[in-house]
Amino acid sequence: KQYMKDDIEERELRVLNRNFSMAEYSESWTKLERYLFIEIYNVIKDFYLSKSSENIKTFSSENILLTLSINDLDNSLFKKKNKQRDLLTAAEGLSEKRISLVTIDDDGQYGFDFISIFPRITYNPSKDKQNMYVKIPNEIYEQMVPIKSYCQLDLKLLSEFGSGNTIRLYEIFKSYAFKKTFDMGFNELRKQLGFFYEGNYQEWKHFNAKVLKPAVKEINSHKQYDIEVFYEKRRGLDKISFTIKTHRAQDLSKIQVLNLNELIDETVRKPNLIQQKYIETVLLFCKKDSSISNEKELIEWIVSDLINQQAKLEAKFNFKHSMNAISKQVRSGSYTQPYSHKYLVIDSVTFDPIIYEEIKKMDREGLHDVIKDQYSSEQIRANHFGFILNSKNLY
């Protein structure tokens, strides 16, 4: 009994967004494909939970590029002396995976949206023998983050289950475990397993005999570590009724994820982890078009402008839009000084004859919005142009 208790306590969990785990797929999954998917997901999850950005290479509004350590993968999932070949096969399978959204309107017109989950997976041992590189589009990674609800998967069970179908069903059952009982249509379940668009297991008796019954039996054989599943389907009805019994309580407290639009404390002046990586990625791409001599100072300027924009726009602030505007200025070479950086650290602002002349010139041209962007409200008042704060551009 003590051995079993210790074994349970040592088990490692993986968190998966509940809504994403119930997505519909165009293809079914092998065991190794789904395992790699969950490990990739874990890298993104740790990034958004501010645990680690070590495996995040770039992060932008278009995609995330991350690394997955080859040596950290569970070797028990690979055939002996055939790991590289198995990895190739699984990666190729992942590259073909997509989420399929197909609708039919009242006029019989089809609507569809096919989103590739992993448009690029790279492993080049001559350049980096330790890591596989995975690119994920923003349509996918924004849905992967466990913001509102999530389920917890036992990592050891994932390696012990005999098929990808069992792992997918385990995810689905875990996603509904908080309800204890739920109904699901036969074809809806086939879509979540990837069988519907493949045209596989169209008859209930074959699906039940080859997929559902063996998977439930395997999951229940490990029930002491997690959940136990019961189900029935009445003759003539499409729906399947499931009951989930939880044998191991898990912490279901709300997970706090990072947000790009999160306020940056102007006293600490430190963006959160995903904001930092986003800024670094923007500058990485800017370096391809322009020379950046002092990146550290430039980041300080950017942080100052972001803080200033947050104060001005409040709830309307959009981190991505602000960074896009800054990126354009950096690329064009016009971002030569920050709008607010040097003024945020000054305790008291006094009259400055140089600033006075600059504001005066812009005031004559009616560029009031430019003045308010370039100078703080304290500076504008200190240099006798307070009336501009309540004005609009003349042109």
Protein backbone atom coordinates (compact mmCIF):
# COMPACT_ATOMS: atom_id res chain seq x y z
CA LYS A 1 0.00 0.00 0.00
CA GLN A 2 2.81 2.38 0.85
CA TYR A 3 4.46 1.57 -2.50
CA MET A 4 1.24 2.41 -4.34
CA LYS A 5 0.89 5.68 -2.37
CA ASP A 6 4.44 6.74 -3.22
CA ASP A 7 3.91 5.81 -6.87
CA ILE A 8 0.80 7.99 -7.06
CA GLU A 9 2.51 10.96 -5.43
CA GLU A 10 5.45 10.80 -7.85
CA ARG A 11 3.32 10.77 -11.00
CA GLU A 12 3.81 13.72 -13.33
CA LEU A 13 0.84 15.57 -14.80
CA ARG A 14 0.29 17.45 -18.05
CA VAL A 15 -2.26 20.26 -18.32
CA LEU A 16 -4.36 20.52 -21.49
CA ASN A 17 -6.94 23.14 -22.46
CA ARG A 18 -10.30 21.43 -22.09
CA ASN A 19 -11.86 23.05 -25.16
CA PHE A 20 -8.80 22.32 -27.29
CA SER A 21 -8.73 18.70 -26.17
CA MET A 22 -12.28 18.31 -27.52
CA ALA A 23 -11.39 19.70 -30.96
CA GLU A 24 -12.33 17.89 -34.15
CA TYR A 25 -9.49 16.50 -36.25
CA SER A 26 -9.23 15.51 -39.89
CA GLU A 27 -7.14 12.45 -39.08
CA SER A 28 -6.72 9.96 -36.27
CA TRP A 29 -3.59 9.95 -34.10
CA THR A 30 -0.93 7.38 -33.39
CA LYS A 31 0.28 6.99 -29.82
CA LEU A 32 3.63 8.68 -30.54
CA GLU A 33 2.02 11.54 -32.48
CA ARG A 34 -0.31 12.38 -29.62
CA TYR A 35 2.49 12.09 -27.05
CA LEU A 36 4.64 14.56 -29.03
CA PHE A 37 1.65 16.88 -29.36
CA ILE A 38 1.17 16.94 -25.58
CA GLU A 39 4.89 17.57 -24.99
CA ILE A 40 4.83 20.45 -27.49
CA TYR A 41 1.74 21.78 -25.78
CA ASN A 42 3.56 21.62 -22.44
CA VAL A 43 6.29 23.96 -23.73
CA ILE A 44 3.67 26.56 -24.69
CA LYS A 45 1.81 26.08 -21.43
CA ASP A 46 4.93 26.67 -19.32
CA PHE A 47 5.65 29.79 -21.37
CA TYR A 48 2.19 31.25 -20.79
CA LEU A 49 2.26 30.34 -17.10
CA SER A 50 5.56 32.25 -16.73
CA LYS A 51 7.41 29.07 -15.78
CA SER A 52 9.95 29.00 -18.59
CA SER A 53 10.77 30.54 -21.97
CA GLU A 54 13.87 28.38 -22.44
CA ASN A 55 12.34 26.42 -25.33
CA ILE A 56 10.67 29.40 -27.01
CA LYS A 57 12.90 30.64 -29.82
CA THR A 58 10.61 33.30 -31.30
CA PHE A 59 7.13 34.58 -30.42
CA SER A 60 5.18 36.89 -32.72
CA SER A 61 1.65 37.73 -33.82
CA GLU A 62 2.04 35.18 -36.65
CA ASN A 63 3.52 32.15 -34.91
CA ILE A 64 5.59 30.57 -32.16
CA LEU A 65 8.83 28.75 -32.92
CA LEU A 66 9.82 26.35 -30.15
CA THR A 67 12.26 23.54 -29.52
CA LEU A 68 11.58 20.07 -28.15
CA SER A 69 14.54 18.29 -26.58
CA ILE A 70 15.14 14.91 -28.23
CA ASN A 71 16.92 13.53 -25.16
CA ASP A 72 14.02 14.39 -22.84
CA LEU A 73 11.48 12.33 -24.79
CA ASP A 74 10.25 9.12 -23.18
CA ASN A 75 12.42 6.39 -24.73
CA SER A 76 9.89 3.69 -23.83
CA LEU A 77 7.64 5.03 -26.61
CA PHE A 78 10.24 4.33 -29.28
CA LYS A 79 11.44 1.01 -30.65
CA LYS A 80 14.93 0.08 -29.52
CA LYS A 81 17.65 1.33 -31.90
CA ASN A 82 14.94 2.88 -34.09
CA LYS A 83 14.23 6.15 -32.30
CA GLN A 84 15.26 8.40 -35.20
CA ARG A 85 13.04 6.56 -37.66
CA ASP A 86 10.09 6.55 -35.26
CA LEU A 87 10.60 10.25 -34.63
CA LEU A 88 10.64 10.94 -38.38
CA THR A 89 7.39 9.03 -38.89
CA ALA A 90 5.65 10.75 -35.97
CA ALA A 91 6.86 14.22 -37.05
CA GLU A 92 5.64 13.59 -40.59
CA GLY A 93 2.26 12.58 -39.20
CA LEU A 94 2.10 15.72 -37.04
CA SER A 95 2.90 17.92 -40.04
CA GLU A 96 -0.24 16.62 -41.75
CA LYS A 97 -2.55 17.20 -38.78
CA ARG A 98 -5.13 19.95 -39.00
CA ILE A 99 -8.27 21.13 -37.28
CA SER A 100 -11.27 20.91 -39.61
CA LEU A 101 -14.28 23.16 -39.22
CA VAL A 102 -17.01 22.31 -41.75
CA THR A 103 -20.49 23.85 -41.69
CA ILE A 104 -23.60 23.65 -43.87
CA ASP A 105 -25.94 26.67 -43.96
CA ASP A 106 -29.71 26.67 -44.53
CA ASP A 107 -29.20 26.89 -48.31
CA GLY A 108 -27.01 23.81 -48.34
CA GLN A 109 -23.81 25.79 -48.92
CA TYR A 110 -20.68 24.33 -47.39
CA GLY A 111 -18.38 26.45 -45.26
CA PHE A 112 -14.97 25.22 -44.22
CA ASP A 113 -11.82 26.24 -42.40
CA PHE A 114 -8.82 23.91 -42.35
CA ILE A 115 -6.02 25.01 -40.01
CA SER A 116 -2.69 23.18 -40.07
CA ILE A 117 -1.51 22.67 -36.49
CA PHE A 118 2.20 22.27 -37.19
CA PRO A 119 3.05 23.79 -40.60
CA ARG A 120 6.77 23.24 -40.07
CA ILE A 121 8.68 20.64 -38.02
CA THR A 122 12.46 20.56 -38.42
CA TYR A 123 15.22 18.32 -37.11
CA ASN A 124 18.70 18.85 -38.55
CA PRO A 125 21.26 16.90 -36.48
CA SER A 126 24.18 18.46 -38.36
CA LYS A 127 23.18 21.87 -36.94
CA ASP A 128 21.45 20.93 -33.68
CA LYS A 129 21.48 17.29 -32.60
CA GLN A 130 19.66 17.98 -29.34
CA ASN A 131 16.46 19.67 -30.50
CA MET A 132 13.53 19.41 -32.86
CA TYR A 133 12.09 22.76 -34.01
CA VAL A 134 8.32 23.23 -34.26
CA LYS A 135 6.44 26.21 -35.71
CA ILE A 136 2.83 26.80 -34.61
CA PRO A 137 0.53 29.47 -36.16
CA ASN A 138 -1.23 32.01 -33.95
CA GLU A 139 -4.67 30.53 -34.75
CA ILE A 140 -3.51 27.40 -32.94
CA TYR A 141 -1.31 28.62 -30.08
CA GLU A 142 -3.90 31.16 -28.94
CA GLN A 143 -6.38 28.29 -28.51
CA MET A 144 -3.89 26.02 -26.76
CA VAL A 145 -3.46 28.20 -23.68
CA PRO A 146 -5.48 26.91 -20.68
CA ILE A 147 -7.25 30.18 -19.92
CA LYS A 148 -10.73 29.26 -18.70
CA SER A 149 -10.80 25.52 -18.15
CA TYR A 150 -8.40 22.64 -18.36
CA CYS A 151 -7.92 18.96 -17.66
CA GLN A 152 -4.93 17.19 -16.14
CA LEU A 153 -3.43 14.13 -17.81
CA ASP A 154 -1.25 11.54 -16.11
CA LEU A 155 1.97 11.50 -18.14
CA LYS A 156 2.84 7.93 -17.11
CA LEU A 157 -0.53 6.68 -18.33
CA LEU A 158 0.03 8.36 -21.69
CA SER A 159 3.17 6.27 -22.16
CA GLU A 160 1.49 3.06 -20.97
CA PHE A 161 -1.63 3.27 -23.13
CA GLY A 162 -1.34 1.07 -26.20
CA SER A 163 -2.74 3.34 -28.90
CA GLY A 164 -3.36 6.91 -29.97
CA ASN A 165 -7.11 6.24 -29.84
CA THR A 166 -6.88 5.37 -26.14
CA ILE A 167 -4.92 8.55 -25.42
CA ARG A 168 -7.46 10.70 -27.31
CA LEU A 169 -10.39 9.08 -25.50
CA TYR A 170 -8.58 9.51 -22.18
CA GLU A 171 -8.22 13.25 -22.94
CA ILE A 172 -11.89 13.53 -23.86
CA PHE A 173 -13.04 11.66 -20.76
CA LYS A 174 -10.78 13.81 -18.56
CA SER A 175 -12.24 16.94 -20.16
CA TYR A 176 -15.73 15.85 -19.12
CA ALA A 177 -14.75 14.38 -15.75
CA PHE A 178 -15.91 17.48 -13.86
CA LYS A 179 -19.47 16.78 -15.09
CA LYS A 180 -19.35 13.12 -13.99
CA THR A 181 -21.98 12.21 -16.62
CA PHE A 182 -22.36 13.39 -20.21
CA ASP A 183 -23.86 12.38 -23.54
CA MET A 184 -22.15 12.54 -26.92
CA GLY A 185 -23.36 11.72 -30.41
CA PHE A 186 -21.67 8.81 -32.18
CA ASN A 187 -20.46 10.92 -35.13
CA GLU A 188 -19.39 13.75 -32.85
CA LEU A 189 -17.09 11.33 -31.04
CA ARG A 190 -15.79 10.03 -34.37
CA LYS A 191 -14.93 13.61 -35.38
CA GLN A 192 -12.97 14.19 -32.19
CA LEU A 193 -11.03 10.99 -32.83
CA GLY A 194 -10.39 11.94 -36.47
CA PHE A 195 -12.40 9.04 -37.93
CA PHE A 196 -15.29 11.00 -39.45
CA TYR A 197 -13.35 12.68 -42.27
CA GLU A 198 -11.25 9.56 -42.80
CA GLY A 199 -14.47 7.57 -43.27
CA ASN A 200 -13.42 4.96 -40.70
CA TYR A 201 -15.61 3.05 -38.23
CA GLN A 202 -18.91 4.28 -39.67
CA GLU A 203 -20.91 1.55 -37.93
CA TRP A 204 -21.37 1.58 -34.17
CA LYS A 205 -20.72 -2.13 -33.67
CA HIS A 206 -17.31 -1.94 -35.34
CA PHE A 207 -16.38 1.31 -33.57
CA ASN A 208 -17.42 -0.11 -30.22
CA ALA A 209 -15.63 -3.43 -30.72
CA LYS A 210 -12.38 -2.08 -32.19
CA VAL A 211 -11.99 1.34 -30.54
CA LEU A 212 -14.21 2.34 -27.62
CA LYS A 213 -14.50 -0.92 -25.67
CA PRO A 214 -10.75 -1.76 -25.74
CA ALA A 215 -9.82 1.83 -24.84
CA VAL A 216 -12.22 2.00 -21.88
CA LYS A 217 -10.96 -1.39 -20.67
CA GLU A 218 -7.35 -0.15 -20.80
CA ILE A 219 -8.16 3.15 -19.06
CA ASN A 220 -10.06 1.33 -16.32
CA SER A 221 -7.14 -1.04 -15.76
CA HIS A 222 -5.26 1.99 -14.36
CA LYS A 223 -8.25 3.46 -12.51
CA GLN A 224 -6.41 3.69 -9.17
CA TYR A 225 -4.25 6.43 -10.69
CA ASP A 226 -6.99 8.53 -12.24
CA ILE A 227 -10.47 7.79 -13.64
CA GLU A 228 -12.87 4.94 -14.35
CA VAL A 229 -15.28 5.06 -17.31
CA PHE A 230 -18.72 3.52 -17.81
CA TYR A 231 -20.88 3.90 -20.92
CA GLU A 232 -23.98 2.66 -22.70
CA LYS A 233 -25.72 3.26 -26.02
CA ARG A 234 -29.36 2.39 -26.28
CA ARG A 235 -30.60 0.73 -29.45
CA GLY A 236 -31.99 3.20 -31.96
CA LEU A 237 -30.35 6.24 -30.36
CA ASP A 238 -27.32 8.08 -31.74
CA LYS A 239 -26.03 9.32 -28.41
CA ILE A 240 -23.66 7.51 -26.09
CA SER A 241 -24.06 8.07 -22.34
CA PHE A 242 -20.85 8.20 -20.31
CA THR A 243 -20.21 8.19 -16.57
CA ILE A 244 -16.79 9.20 -15.23
CA LYS A 245 -15.71 8.18 -11.75
CA THR A 246 -12.62 9.96 -10.41
CA HIS A 247 -10.41 7.86 -8.13
CA ARG A 248 -7.67 10.42 -7.69
CA ALA A 249 -8.50 14.00 -6.77
CA GLN A 250 -6.55 16.67 -8.63
CA ASP A 251 -6.09 20.38 -8.05
CA LEU A 252 -8.61 22.18 -10.26
CA SER A 253 -7.86 25.71 -9.07
CA LYS A 254 -7.84 28.34 -11.78
CA ILE A 255 -4.62 28.63 -13.73
CA GLN A 256 -3.35 32.19 -14.10
CA VAL A 257 -1.93 32.69 -17.57
CA LEU A 258 0.05 35.64 -18.86
CA ASN A 259 -1.53 38.22 -21.14
CA LEU A 260 0.18 40.37 -23.76
CA ASN A 261 -2.03 43.31 -22.80
CA GLU A 262 -1.14 43.00 -19.13
CA LEU A 263 -0.12 46.33 -17.55
CA ILE A 264 3.61 46.92 -17.13
CA ASP A 265 4.35 48.40 -13.71
CA GLU A 266 6.03 51.76 -14.42
CA THR A 267 8.05 51.56 -11.18
CA VAL A 268 9.45 48.07 -11.81
CA ARG A 269 9.48 48.49 -15.60
CA LYS A 270 9.64 44.74 -16.28
CA PRO A 271 7.34 43.22 -18.93
CA ASN A 272 6.00 39.74 -18.25
CA LEU A 273 7.63 36.70 -19.85
CA ILE A 274 5.57 36.59 -23.05
CA GLN A 275 5.86 40.37 -23.50
CA GLN A 276 9.65 40.11 -23.15
CA LYS A 277 9.87 37.32 -25.71
CA TYR A 278 7.59 39.21 -28.10
CA ILE A 279 9.80 42.33 -27.90
CA GLU A 280 12.94 40.21 -28.43
CA THR A 281 11.38 38.55 -31.48
CA VAL A 282 10.36 41.88 -33.02
CA LEU A 283 13.92 43.19 -32.65
CA LEU A 284 15.31 39.93 -34.03
CA PHE A 285 13.37 40.47 -37.25
CA CYS A 286 14.16 44.21 -37.29
CA LYS A 287 17.89 43.40 -37.28
CA LYS A 288 17.45 41.83 -40.72
CA ASP A 289 16.46 45.22 -42.15
CA SER A 290 18.33 47.74 -40.00
CA SER A 291 21.34 48.02 -37.71
CA ILE A 292 20.70 48.09 -33.95
CA SER A 293 23.74 49.28 -32.03
CA ASN A 294 22.45 49.13 -28.44
CA GLU A 295 19.63 46.63 -28.08
CA LYS A 296 19.44 46.91 -24.29
CA GLU A 297 18.84 50.67 -24.44
CA LEU A 298 16.38 50.24 -27.29
CA ILE A 299 14.34 47.78 -25.21
CA GLU A 300 14.23 50.38 -22.42
CA TRP A 301 12.84 52.89 -24.90
CA ILE A 302 10.23 50.40 -26.09
CA VAL A 303 9.14 49.56 -22.54
CA SER A 304 8.74 53.28 -21.82
CA ASP A 305 6.56 53.78 -24.86
CA LEU A 306 4.44 50.74 -24.01
CA ILE A 307 3.88 52.08 -20.49
CA ASN A 308 2.95 55.46 -21.96
CA GLN A 309 0.51 53.87 -24.41
CA GLN A 310 -1.09 51.80 -21.65
CA ALA A 311 -1.65 54.92 -19.56
CA LYS A 312 -3.19 56.79 -22.49
CA LEU A 313 -5.34 54.05 -24.02
CA GLU A 314 -6.20 52.08 -20.84
CA ALA A 315 -8.62 49.28 -21.80
CA LYS A 316 -8.17 50.01 -25.53
CA PHE A 317 -4.44 49.28 -25.35
CA ASN A 318 -3.32 46.58 -27.79
CA PHE A 319 0.22 45.30 -27.24
CA LYS A 320 0.53 43.77 -30.71
CA HIS A 321 -0.61 46.95 -32.46
CA SER A 322 1.78 49.10 -30.42
CA MET A 323 4.71 46.78 -31.13
CA ASN A 324 3.81 46.73 -34.83
CA ALA A 325 4.01 50.55 -34.95
CA ILE A 326 7.33 50.55 -33.07
CA SER A 327 8.68 47.83 -35.37
CA LYS A 328 7.95 49.93 -38.47
CA GLN A 329 9.80 52.90 -36.95
CA VAL A 330 12.81 50.76 -35.99
CA ARG A 331 13.00 49.26 -39.48
CA SER A 332 12.79 52.68 -41.14
CA GLY A 333 15.39 54.18 -38.78
CA SER A 334 12.95 56.81 -37.45
CA TYR A 335 12.84 55.39 -33.92
CA THR A 336 15.77 57.53 -32.75
CA GLN A 337 14.41 58.43 -29.32
CA PRO A 338 11.55 57.23 -27.18
CA TYR A 339 8.47 59.36 -26.75
CA SER A 340 8.47 59.10 -22.97
CA HIS A 341 11.43 57.06 -21.73
CA LYS A 342 13.60 59.81 -20.23
CA TYR A 343 10.68 61.47 -18.50
CA LEU A 344 9.25 58.48 -16.66
CA VAL A 345 12.15 58.41 -14.19
CA ILE A 346 12.10 62.14 -13.35
CA ASP A 347 10.49 62.95 -10.00
CA SER A 348 9.62 66.56 -10.89
CA VAL A 349 9.40 68.21 -14.29
CA THR A 350 10.46 71.85 -14.76
CA PHE A 351 10.56 74.35 -17.60
CA ASP A 352 12.98 73.40 -20.39
CA PRO A 353 13.75 76.10 -22.99
CA ILE A 354 14.69 73.56 -25.69
CA ILE A 355 11.50 71.56 -25.22
CA TYR A 356 9.54 74.81 -25.08
CA GLU A 357 10.78 75.81 -28.55
CA GLU A 358 10.05 72.35 -29.96
CA ILE A 359 6.49 72.35 -28.63
CA LYS A 360 5.98 75.92 -29.74
CA LYS A 361 6.97 75.05 -33.31
CA MET A 362 4.64 72.04 -33.43
CA ASP A 363 1.84 74.08 -31.85
CA ARG A 364 2.08 76.60 -34.69
CA GLU A 365 1.65 73.72 -37.14
CA GLY A 366 -1.36 72.42 -35.22
CA LEU A 367 0.33 69.09 -34.39
CA HIS A 368 -1.25 68.73 -30.96
CA ASP A 369 -1.61 64.94 -31.09
CA VAL A 370 2.07 64.63 -32.00
CA ILE A 371 2.98 66.82 -29.03
CA LYS A 372 0.88 64.68 -26.69
CA ASP A 373 2.53 61.54 -28.05
CA GLN A 374 6.05 62.89 -27.78
CA TYR A 375 5.86 64.59 -24.38
CA SER A 376 4.32 63.71 -21.04
CA SER A 377 1.40 65.77 -19.70
CA GLU A 378 3.68 67.05 -16.89
CA GLN A 379 6.18 68.34 -19.46
CA ILE A 380 3.51 70.01 -21.53
CA ARG A 381 2.17 71.84 -18.47
CA ALA A 382 5.65 72.75 -17.17
CA ASN A 383 6.42 74.43 -20.48
CA HIS A 384 3.18 76.49 -20.50
CA PHE A 385 1.21 74.52 -23.08
CA GLY A 386 -1.35 72.87 -20.77
CA PHE A 387 -4.22 73.97 -23.04
CA ILE A 388 -3.01 71.45 -25.64
CA LEU A 389 -3.99 68.51 -23.40
CA ASN A 390 -7.68 69.16 -24.07
CA SER A 391 -7.34 70.04 -27.74
CA LYS A 392 -7.58 68.10 -30.98
CA ASN A 393 -5.41 68.32 -34.11
CA LEU A 394 -6.20 71.32 -36.28
CA TYR A 395 -5.32 69.41 -39.42
